[in-house]
Amino acid sequence: MKDGLTLLLEKAKGNPMLQKTILATKQEKDPTLALCELATKEGCPVTVGQVYERGEWYLAQLSESRLGVTEPRAVLGDVVGEFYAAIEGLKL
């Protein structure tokens, strides 16, 4: 099952207007909340809690793995930042 952000990313492919609307959420007071509200409005429901849970899960996997990561940086669990980067990458 795909989460709301994955579905929103797929929906944004080939839709420059949606990409622009998504990137505009970066300027909001609470970008994560704005992004989740937009995703839900677009039929790709996701909550702020789910976004943070996904980041925490990723960091936990890094710290428990044998990849040599001893102190994962918080930026590695920045799901929203990675999502915005993926949207910006669609423009290439």
PDB file of N, CA and C in Angstrom:
ATOM      1  N   MET A   1       0.837  -1.178   0.000  1.00  0.00           N
ATOM      2  CA  MET A   1       0.000   0.000   0.000  1.00  0.00           C
ATOM      3  C   MET A   1       0.882   1.241   0.000  1.00  0.00           C
ATOM      4  N   LYS A   2       0.560   2.179  -0.846  1.00  0.00           N
ATOM      5  CA  LYS A   2       1.335   3.411  -0.942  1.00  0.00           C
ATOM      6  C   LYS A   2       0.762   4.453   0.006  1.00  0.00           C
ATOM      7  N   ASP A   3       1.663   5.240   0.594  1.00  0.00           N
ATOM      8  CA  ASP A   3       1.193   6.290   1.493  1.00  0.00           C
ATOM      9  C   ASP A   3       0.784   7.529   0.688  1.00  0.00           C
ATOM     10  N   GLY A   4       0.193   8.487   1.393  1.00  0.00           N
ATOM     11  CA  GLY A   4      -0.329   9.681   0.740  1.00  0.00           C
ATOM     12  C   GLY A   4       0.715  10.482  -0.009  1.00  0.00           C
ATOM     13  N   LEU A   5       1.924  10.609   0.544  1.00  0.00           N
ATOM     14  CA  LEU A   5       2.955  11.386  -0.143  1.00  0.00           C
ATOM     15  C   LEU A   5       3.423  10.695  -1.418  1.00  0.00           C
ATOM     16  N   THR A   6       3.504   9.383  -1.387  1.00  0.00           N
ATOM     17  CA  THR A   6       3.890   8.651  -2.592  1.00  0.00           C
ATOM     18  C   THR A   6       2.826   8.825  -3.670  1.00  0.00           C
ATOM     19  N   LEU A   7       1.576   8.732  -3.269  1.00  0.00           N
ATOM     20  CA  LEU A   7       0.479   8.932  -4.228  1.00  0.00           C
ATOM     21  C   LEU A   7       0.478  10.353  -4.775  1.00  0.00           C
ATOM     22  N   LEU A   8       0.736  11.342  -3.915  1.00  0.00           N
ATOM     23  CA  LEU A   8       0.769  12.731  -4.360  1.00  0.00           C
ATOM     24  C   LEU A   8       1.917  12.959  -5.333  1.00  0.00           C
ATOM     25  N   LEU A   9       3.056  12.355  -5.072  1.00  0.00           N
ATOM     26  CA  LEU A   9       4.196  12.469  -5.980  1.00  0.00           C
ATOM     27  C   LEU A   9       3.840  11.904  -7.351  1.00  0.00           C
ATOM     28  N   GLU A  10       3.201  10.756  -7.372  1.00  0.00           N
ATOM     29  CA  GLU A  10       2.793  10.155  -8.650  1.00  0.00           C
ATOM     30  C   GLU A  10       1.791  11.049  -9.376  1.00  0.00           C
ATOM     31  N   LYS A  11       0.894  11.640  -8.618  1.00  0.00           N
ATOM     32  CA  LYS A  11      -0.114  12.526  -9.204  1.00  0.00           C
ATOM     33  C   LYS A  11       0.534  13.791  -9.764  1.00  0.00           C
ATOM     34  N   ALA A  12       1.614  14.245  -9.149  1.00  0.00           N
ATOM     35  CA  ALA A  12       2.284  15.478  -9.573  1.00  0.00           C
ATOM     36  C   ALA A  12       3.120  15.295 -10.842  1.00  0.00           C
ATOM     37  N   LYS A  13       3.489  14.068 -11.147  1.00  0.00           N
ATOM     38  CA  LYS A  13       4.267  13.818 -12.363  1.00  0.00           C
ATOM     39  C   LYS A  13       3.455  14.262 -13.572  1.00  0.00           C
ATOM     40  N   GLY A  14       4.024  15.110 -14.384  1.00  0.00           N
ATOM     41  CA  GLY A  14       3.332  15.581 -15.574  1.00  0.00           C
ATOM     42  C   GLY A  14       2.273  16.633 -15.290  1.00  0.00           C
ATOM     43  N   ASN A  15       2.234  17.154 -14.070  1.00  0.00           N
ATOM     44  CA  ASN A  15       1.252  18.172 -13.710  1.00  0.00           C
ATOM     45  C   ASN A  15       1.987  19.360 -13.080  1.00  0.00           C
ATOM     46  N   PRO A  16       2.525  20.254 -13.919  1.00  0.00           N
ATOM     47  CA  PRO A  16       3.310  21.384 -13.406  1.00  0.00           C
ATOM     48  C   PRO A  16       2.535  22.281 -12.440  1.00  0.00           C
ATOM     49  N   MET A  17       1.233  22.417 -12.642  1.00  0.00           N
ATOM     50  CA  MET A  17       0.444  23.263 -11.755  1.00  0.00           C
ATOM     51  C   MET A  17       0.402  22.666 -10.343  1.00  0.00           C
ATOM     52  N   LEU A  18       0.210  21.363 -10.248  1.00  0.00           N
ATOM     53  CA  LEU A  18       0.206  20.707  -8.942  1.00  0.00           C
ATOM     54  C   LEU A  18       1.588  20.793  -8.304  1.00  0.00           C
ATOM     55  N   GLN A  19       2.626  20.630  -9.093  1.00  0.00           N
ATOM     56  CA  GLN A  19       3.989  20.750  -8.570  1.00  0.00           C
ATOM     57  C   GLN A  19       4.205  22.128  -7.955  1.00  0.00           C
ATOM     58  N   LYS A  20       3.748  23.168  -8.652  1.00  0.00           N
ATOM     59  CA  LYS A  20       3.889  24.537  -8.158  1.00  0.00           C
ATOM     60  C   LYS A  20       3.106  24.718  -6.854  1.00  0.00           C
ATOM     61  N   THR A  21       1.903  24.165  -6.799  1.00  0.00           N
ATOM     62  CA  THR A  21       1.079  24.271  -5.599  1.00  0.00           C
ATOM     63  C   THR A  21       1.746  23.554  -4.424  1.00  0.00           C
ATOM     64  N   ILE A  22       2.316  22.393  -4.681  1.00  0.00           N
ATOM     65  CA  ILE A  22       3.021  21.646  -3.640  1.00  0.00           C
ATOM     66  C   ILE A  22       4.205  22.451  -3.111  1.00  0.00           C
ATOM     67  N   LEU A  23       5.010  22.983  -4.021  1.00  0.00           N
ATOM     68  CA  LEU A  23       6.192  23.739  -3.600  1.00  0.00           C
ATOM     69  C   LEU A  23       5.811  25.012  -2.849  1.00  0.00           C
ATOM     70  N   ALA A  24       4.641  25.563  -3.133  1.00  0.00           N
ATOM     71  CA  ALA A  24       4.179  26.760  -2.420  1.00  0.00           C
ATOM     72  C   ALA A  24       3.927  26.471  -0.946  1.00  0.00           C
ATOM     73  N   THR A  25       3.668  25.228  -0.601  1.00  0.00           N
ATOM     74  CA  THR A  25       3.434  24.895   0.807  1.00  0.00           C
ATOM     75  C   THR A  25       4.701  25.079   1.652  1.00  0.00           C
ATOM     76  N   LYS A  26       5.863  25.118   1.008  1.00  0.00           N
ATOM     77  CA  LYS A  26       7.116  25.348   1.735  1.00  0.00           C
ATOM     78  C   LYS A  26       7.122  26.705   2.422  1.00  0.00           C
ATOM     79  N   GLN A  27       6.358  27.649   1.894  1.00  0.00           N
ATOM     80  CA  GLN A  27       6.348  29.007   2.421  1.00  0.00           C
ATOM     81  C   GLN A  27       5.355  29.193   3.569  1.00  0.00           C
ATOM     82  N   GLU A  28       4.546  28.191   3.841  1.00  0.00           N
ATOM     83  CA  GLU A  28       3.546  28.290   4.899  1.00  0.00           C
ATOM     84  C   GLU A  28       4.210  28.276   6.274  1.00  0.00           C
ATOM     85  N   LYS A  29       3.496  28.761   7.264  1.00  0.00           N
ATOM     86  CA  LYS A  29       4.013  28.785   8.636  1.00  0.00           C
ATOM     87  C   LYS A  29       4.367  27.375   9.104  1.00  0.00           C
ATOM     88  N   ASP A  30       3.521  26.408   8.770  1.00  0.00           N
ATOM     89  CA  ASP A  30       3.763  25.000   9.097  1.00  0.00           C
ATOM     90  C   ASP A  30       3.719  24.206   7.780  1.00  0.00           C
ATOM     91  N   PRO A  31       4.860  24.099   7.099  1.00  0.00           N
ATOM     92  CA  PRO A  31       4.887  23.445   5.793  1.00  0.00           C
ATOM     93  C   PRO A  31       4.395  21.992   5.809  1.00  0.00           C
ATOM     94  N   THR A  32       4.706  21.265   6.872  1.00  0.00           N
ATOM     95  CA  THR A  32       4.281  19.870   6.934  1.00  0.00           C
ATOM     96  C   THR A  32       2.767  19.769   6.995  1.00  0.00           C
ATOM     97  N   LEU A  33       2.151  20.579   7.821  1.00  0.00           N
ATOM     98  CA  LEU A  33       0.697  20.581   7.914  1.00  0.00           C
ATOM     99  C   LEU A  33       0.074  21.016   6.591  1.00  0.00           C
ATOM    100  N   ALA A  34       0.624  22.066   5.983  1.00  0.00           N
ATOM    101  CA  ALA A  34       0.093  22.552   4.701  1.00  0.00           C
ATOM    102  C   ALA A  34       0.197  21.470   3.625  1.00  0.00           C
ATOM    103  N   LEU A  35       1.319  20.756   3.607  1.00  0.00           N
ATOM    104  CA  LEU A  35       1.504  19.691   2.621  1.00  0.00           C
ATOM    105  C   LEU A  35       0.505  18.562   2.855  1.00  0.00           C
ATOM    106  N   CYS A  36       0.304  18.188   4.107  1.00  0.00           N
ATOM    107  CA  CYS A  36      -0.643  17.118   4.426  1.00  0.00           C
ATOM    108  C   CYS A  36      -2.067  17.524   4.060  1.00  0.00           C
ATOM    109  N   GLU A  37      -2.419  18.773   4.327  1.00  0.00           N
ATOM    110  CA  GLU A  37      -3.759  19.249   3.968  1.00  0.00           C
ATOM    111  C   GLU A  37      -3.948  19.242   2.456  1.00  0.00           C
ATOM    112  N   LEU A  38      -2.931  19.661   1.712  1.00  0.00           N
ATOM    113  CA  LEU A  38      -3.013  19.645   0.253  1.00  0.00           C
ATOM    114  C   LEU A  38      -3.127  18.213  -0.262  1.00  0.00           C
ATOM    115  N   ALA A  39      -2.310  17.319   0.279  1.00  0.00           N
ATOM    116  CA  ALA A  39      -2.349  15.919  -0.152  1.00  0.00           C
ATOM    117  C   ALA A  39      -3.733  15.329   0.065  1.00  0.00           C
ATOM    118  N   THR A  40      -4.305  15.600   1.218  1.00  0.00           N
ATOM    119  CA  THR A  40      -5.629  15.083   1.536  1.00  0.00           C
ATOM    120  C   THR A  40      -6.673  15.666   0.590  1.00  0.00           C
ATOM    121  N   LYS A  41      -6.564  16.957   0.319  1.00  0.00           N
ATOM    122  CA  LYS A  41      -7.484  17.626  -0.617  1.00  0.00           C
ATOM    123  C   LYS A  41      -7.386  17.009  -2.012  1.00  0.00           C
ATOM    124  N   GLU A  42      -6.189  16.576  -2.383  1.00  0.00           N
ATOM    125  CA  GLU A  42      -5.955  15.981  -3.701  1.00  0.00           C
ATOM    126  C   GLU A  42      -6.288  14.486  -3.738  1.00  0.00           C
ATOM    127  N   GLY A  43      -6.867  13.970  -2.667  1.00  0.00           N
ATOM    128  CA  GLY A  43      -7.258  12.564  -2.641  1.00  0.00           C
ATOM    129  C   GLY A  43      -6.153  11.614  -2.236  1.00  0.00           C
ATOM    130  N   CYS A  44      -5.111  12.146  -1.616  1.00  0.00           N
ATOM    131  CA  CYS A  44      -3.968  11.350  -1.178  1.00  0.00           C
ATOM    132  C   CYS A  44      -3.774  11.567   0.324  1.00  0.00           C
ATOM    133  N   PRO A  45      -4.700  11.081   1.147  1.00  0.00           N
ATOM    134  CA  PRO A  45      -4.688  11.419   2.564  1.00  0.00           C
ATOM    135  C   PRO A  45      -3.422  10.984   3.297  1.00  0.00           C
ATOM    136  N   VAL A  46      -2.916  11.931   4.079  1.00  0.00           N
ATOM    137  CA  VAL A  46      -1.759  11.682   4.940  1.00  0.00           C
ATOM    138  C   VAL A  46      -1.838  12.688   6.092  1.00  0.00           C
ATOM    139  N   THR A  47      -1.383  12.269   7.262  1.00  0.00           N
ATOM    140  CA  THR A  47      -1.395  13.156   8.423  1.00  0.00           C
ATOM    141  C   THR A  47       0.039  13.525   8.798  1.00  0.00           C
ATOM    142  N   VAL A  48       0.165  14.589   9.573  1.00  0.00           N
ATOM    143  CA  VAL A  48       1.475  15.012  10.054  1.00  0.00           C
ATOM    144  C   VAL A  48       2.110  13.882  10.875  1.00  0.00           C
ATOM    145  N   GLY A  49       1.309  13.217  11.681  1.00  0.00           N
ATOM    146  CA  GLY A  49       1.811  12.108  12.481  1.00  0.00           C
ATOM    147  C   GLY A  49       2.392  10.993  11.626  1.00  0.00           C
ATOM    148  N   GLN A  50       1.733  10.696  10.513  1.00  0.00           N
ATOM    149  CA  GLN A  50       2.234   9.651   9.615  1.00  0.00           C
ATOM    150  C   GLN A  50       3.559  10.064   8.982  1.00  0.00           C
ATOM    151  N   VAL A  51       3.685  11.338   8.653  1.00  0.00           N
ATOM    152  CA  VAL A  51       4.928  11.833   8.059  1.00  0.00           C
ATOM    153  C   VAL A  51       6.079  11.703   9.053  1.00  0.00           C
ATOM    154  N   TYR A  52       5.858  12.145  10.286  1.00  0.00           N
ATOM    155  CA  TYR A  52       6.915  12.046  11.295  1.00  0.00           C
ATOM    156  C   TYR A  52       7.225  10.591  11.640  1.00  0.00           C
ATOM    157  N   GLU A  53       6.204   9.754  11.664  1.00  0.00           N
ATOM    158  CA  GLU A  53       6.418   8.331  11.940  1.00  0.00           C
ATOM    159  C   GLU A  53       7.307   7.712  10.865  1.00  0.00           C
ATOM    160  N   ARG A  54       7.085   8.089   9.615  1.00  0.00           N
ATOM    161  CA  ARG A  54       7.899   7.567   8.515  1.00  0.00           C
ATOM    162  C   ARG A  54       9.355   7.979   8.691  1.00  0.00           C
ATOM    163  N   GLY A  55       9.588   9.221   9.091  1.00  0.00           N
ATOM    164  CA  GLY A  55      10.958   9.688   9.326  1.00  0.00           C
ATOM    165  C   GLY A  55      11.610   8.970  10.495  1.00  0.00           C
ATOM    166  N   GLU A  56      10.855   8.793  11.561  1.00  0.00           N
ATOM    167  CA  GLU A  56      11.389   8.091  12.736  1.00  0.00           C
ATOM    168  C   GLU A  56      11.701   6.637  12.403  1.00  0.00           C
ATOM    169  N   TRP A  57      10.854   6.006  11.616  1.00  0.00           N
ATOM    170  CA  TRP A  57      11.086   4.614  11.213  1.00  0.00           C
ATOM    171  C   TRP A  57      12.390   4.515  10.429  1.00  0.00           C
ATOM    172  N   TYR A  58      12.583   5.460   9.511  1.00  0.00           N
ATOM    173  CA  TYR A  58      13.790   5.456   8.690  1.00  0.00           C
ATOM    174  C   TYR A  58      15.037   5.604   9.556  1.00  0.00           C
ATOM    175  N   LEU A  59      14.996   6.540  10.493  1.00  0.00           N
ATOM    176  CA  LEU A  59      16.146   6.736  11.383  1.00  0.00           C
ATOM    177  C   LEU A  59      16.400   5.507  12.247  1.00  0.00           C
ATOM    178  N   ALA A  60      15.331   4.875  12.705  1.00  0.00           N
ATOM    179  CA  ALA A  60      15.487   3.669  13.516  1.00  0.00           C
ATOM    180  C   ALA A  60      16.127   2.558  12.694  1.00  0.00           C
ATOM    181  N   GLN A  61      15.732   2.434  11.440  1.00  0.00           N
ATOM    182  CA  GLN A  61      16.316   1.410  10.582  1.00  0.00           C
ATOM    183  C   GLN A  61      17.799   1.657  10.366  1.00  0.00           C
ATOM    184  N   LEU A  62      18.179   2.923  10.203  1.00  0.00           N
ATOM    185  CA  LEU A  62      19.590   3.256  10.028  1.00  0.00           C
ATOM    186  C   LEU A  62      20.395   2.908  11.276  1.00  0.00           C
ATOM    187  N   SER A  63      19.865   3.261  12.432  1.00  0.00           N
ATOM    188  CA  SER A  63      20.630   3.032  13.659  1.00  0.00           C
ATOM    189  C   SER A  63      20.708   1.555  14.022  1.00  0.00           C
ATOM    190  N   GLU A  64      19.743   0.758  13.572  1.00  0.00           N
ATOM    191  CA  GLU A  64      19.752  -0.672  13.888  1.00  0.00           C
ATOM    192  C   GLU A  64      20.460  -1.511  12.821  1.00  0.00           C
ATOM    193  N   SER A  65      20.764  -0.901  11.700  1.00  0.00           N
ATOM    194  CA  SER A  65      21.369  -1.661  10.609  1.00  0.00           C
ATOM    195  C   SER A  65      22.864  -1.833  10.832  1.00  0.00           C
ATOM    196  N   ARG A  66      23.441  -2.578   9.964  1.00  0.00           N
ATOM    197  CA  ARG A  66      24.884  -2.796  10.024  1.00  0.00           C
ATOM    198  C   ARG A  66      25.575  -2.016   8.901  1.00  0.00           C
ATOM    199  N   LEU A  67      25.013  -0.857   8.599  1.00  0.00           N
ATOM    200  CA  LEU A  67      25.581  -0.042   7.527  1.00  0.00           C
ATOM    201  C   LEU A  67      26.668   0.899   8.010  1.00  0.00           C
ATOM    202  N   GLY A  68      26.982   0.845   9.287  1.00  0.00           N
ATOM    203  CA  GLY A  68      28.026   1.696   9.827  1.00  0.00           C
ATOM    204  C   GLY A  68      27.547   3.069  10.247  1.00  0.00           C
ATOM    205  N   VAL A  69      26.257   3.295  10.232  1.00  0.00           N
ATOM    206  CA  VAL A  69      25.720   4.587  10.646  1.00  0.00           C
ATOM    207  C   VAL A  69      25.568   4.548  12.162  1.00  0.00           C
ATOM    208  N   THR A  70      26.410   5.291  12.847  1.00  0.00           N
ATOM    209  CA  THR A  70      26.345   5.268  14.309  1.00  0.00           C
ATOM    210  C   THR A  70      25.565   6.448  14.866  1.00  0.00           C
ATOM    211  N   GLU A  71      25.561   7.563  14.173  1.00  0.00           N
ATOM    212  CA  GLU A  71      24.823   8.733  14.634  1.00  0.00           C
ATOM    213  C   GLU A  71      24.042   9.324  13.465  1.00  0.00           C
ATOM    214  N   PRO A  72      22.897   8.762  13.153  1.00  0.00           N
ATOM    215  CA  PRO A  72      22.144   9.328  12.027  1.00  0.00           C
ATOM    216  C   PRO A  72      21.725  10.760  12.323  1.00  0.00           C
ATOM    217  N   ARG A  73      21.914  11.598  11.348  1.00  0.00           N
ATOM    218  CA  ARG A  73      21.529  12.993  11.499  1.00  0.00           C
ATOM    219  C   ARG A  73      20.038  13.131  11.264  1.00  0.00           C
ATOM    220  N   ALA A  74      19.430  14.065  11.954  1.00  0.00           N
ATOM    221  CA  ALA A  74      17.989  14.285  11.838  1.00  0.00           C
ATOM    222  C   ALA A  74      17.580  14.585  10.409  1.00  0.00           C
ATOM    223  N   VAL A  75      18.468  15.186   9.643  1.00  0.00           N
ATOM    224  CA  VAL A  75      18.120  15.534   8.262  1.00  0.00           C
ATOM    225  C   VAL A  75      17.841  14.276   7.429  1.00  0.00           C
ATOM    226  N   LEU A  76      18.409  13.153   7.820  1.00  0.00           N
ATOM    227  CA  LEU A  76      18.161  11.918   7.086  1.00  0.00           C
ATOM    228  C   LEU A  76      16.726  11.453   7.245  1.00  0.00           C
ATOM    229  N   GLY A  77      16.060  11.885   8.297  1.00  0.00           N
ATOM    230  CA  GLY A  77      14.671  11.510   8.515  1.00  0.00           C
ATOM    231  C   GLY A  77      13.709  12.610   8.111  1.00  0.00           C
ATOM    232  N   ASP A  78      14.198  13.567   7.319  1.00  0.00           N
ATOM    233  CA  ASP A  78      13.383  14.703   6.899  1.00  0.00           C
ATOM    234  C   ASP A  78      12.536  14.297   5.697  1.00  0.00           C
ATOM    235  N   VAL A  79      11.431  13.658   5.966  1.00  0.00           N
ATOM    236  CA  VAL A  79      10.556  13.141   4.913  1.00  0.00           C
ATOM    237  C   VAL A  79      10.021  14.265   4.041  1.00  0.00           C
ATOM    238  N   VAL A  80       9.614  15.369   4.652  1.00  0.00           N
ATOM    239  CA  VAL A  80       9.047  16.475   3.884  1.00  0.00           C
ATOM    240  C   VAL A  80      10.115  17.107   2.994  1.00  0.00           C
ATOM    241  N   GLY A  81      11.305  17.308   3.534  1.00  0.00           N
ATOM    242  CA  GLY A  81      12.391  17.858   2.725  1.00  0.00           C
ATOM    243  C   GLY A  81      12.730  16.969   1.541  1.00  0.00           C
ATOM    244  N   GLU A  82      12.743  15.667   1.777  1.00  0.00           N
ATOM    245  CA  GLU A  82      13.011  14.726   0.686  1.00  0.00           C
ATOM    246  C   GLU A  82      11.878  14.737  -0.335  1.00  0.00           C
ATOM    247  N   PHE A  83      10.653  14.919   0.130  1.00  0.00           N
ATOM    248  CA  PHE A  83       9.507  14.981  -0.778  1.00  0.00           C
ATOM    249  C   PHE A  83       9.609  16.217  -1.665  1.00  0.00           C
ATOM    250  N   TYR A  84       9.926  17.375  -1.060  1.00  0.00           N
ATOM    251  CA  TYR A  84      10.080  18.597  -1.862  1.00  0.00           C
ATOM    252  C   TYR A  84      11.199  18.425  -2.889  1.00  0.00           C
ATOM    253  N   ALA A  85      12.287  17.781  -2.501  1.00  0.00           N
ATOM    254  CA  ALA A  85      13.398  17.548  -3.442  1.00  0.00           C
ATOM    255  C   ALA A  85      12.933  16.673  -4.605  1.00  0.00           C
ATOM    256  N   ALA A  86      12.094  15.674  -4.322  1.00  0.00           N
ATOM    257  CA  ALA A  86      11.582  14.817  -5.388  1.00  0.00           C
ATOM    258  C   ALA A  86      10.685  15.609  -6.346  1.00  0.00           C
ATOM    259  N   ILE A  87       9.880  16.512  -5.795  1.00  0.00           N
ATOM    260  CA  ILE A  87       9.025  17.351  -6.647  1.00  0.00           C
ATOM    261  C   ILE A  87       9.885  18.259  -7.509  1.00  0.00           C
ATOM    262  N   GLU A  88      10.904  18.876  -6.904  1.00  0.00           N
ATOM    263  CA  GLU A  88      11.798  19.749  -7.672  1.00  0.00           C
ATOM    264  C   GLU A  88      12.522  18.953  -8.750  1.00  0.00           C
ATOM    265  N   GLY A  89      12.831  17.703  -8.484  1.00  0.00           N
ATOM    266  CA  GLY A  89      13.486  16.847  -9.462  1.00  0.00           C
ATOM    267  C   GLY A  89      12.613  16.532 -10.660  1.00  0.00           C
ATOM    268  N   LEU A  90      11.310  16.638 -10.516  1.00  0.00           N
ATOM    269  CA  LEU A  90      10.407  16.380 -11.637  1.00  0.00           C
ATOM    270  C   LEU A  90      10.561  17.432 -12.724  1.00  0.00           C
ATOM    271  N   LYS A  91      11.057  18.600 -12.357  1.00  0.00           N
ATOM    272  CA  LYS A  91      11.208  19.698 -13.306  1.00  0.00           C
ATOM    273  C   LYS A  91      12.407  19.518 -14.230  1.00  0.00           C
ATOM    274  N   LEU A  92      13.331  18.642 -13.861  1.00  0.00           N
ATOM    275  CA  LEU A  92      14.551  18.451 -14.651  1.00  0.00           C
ATOM    276  C   LEU A  92      14.279  17.904 -16.013  1.00  0.00           C
TER     277      LEU A  92
END
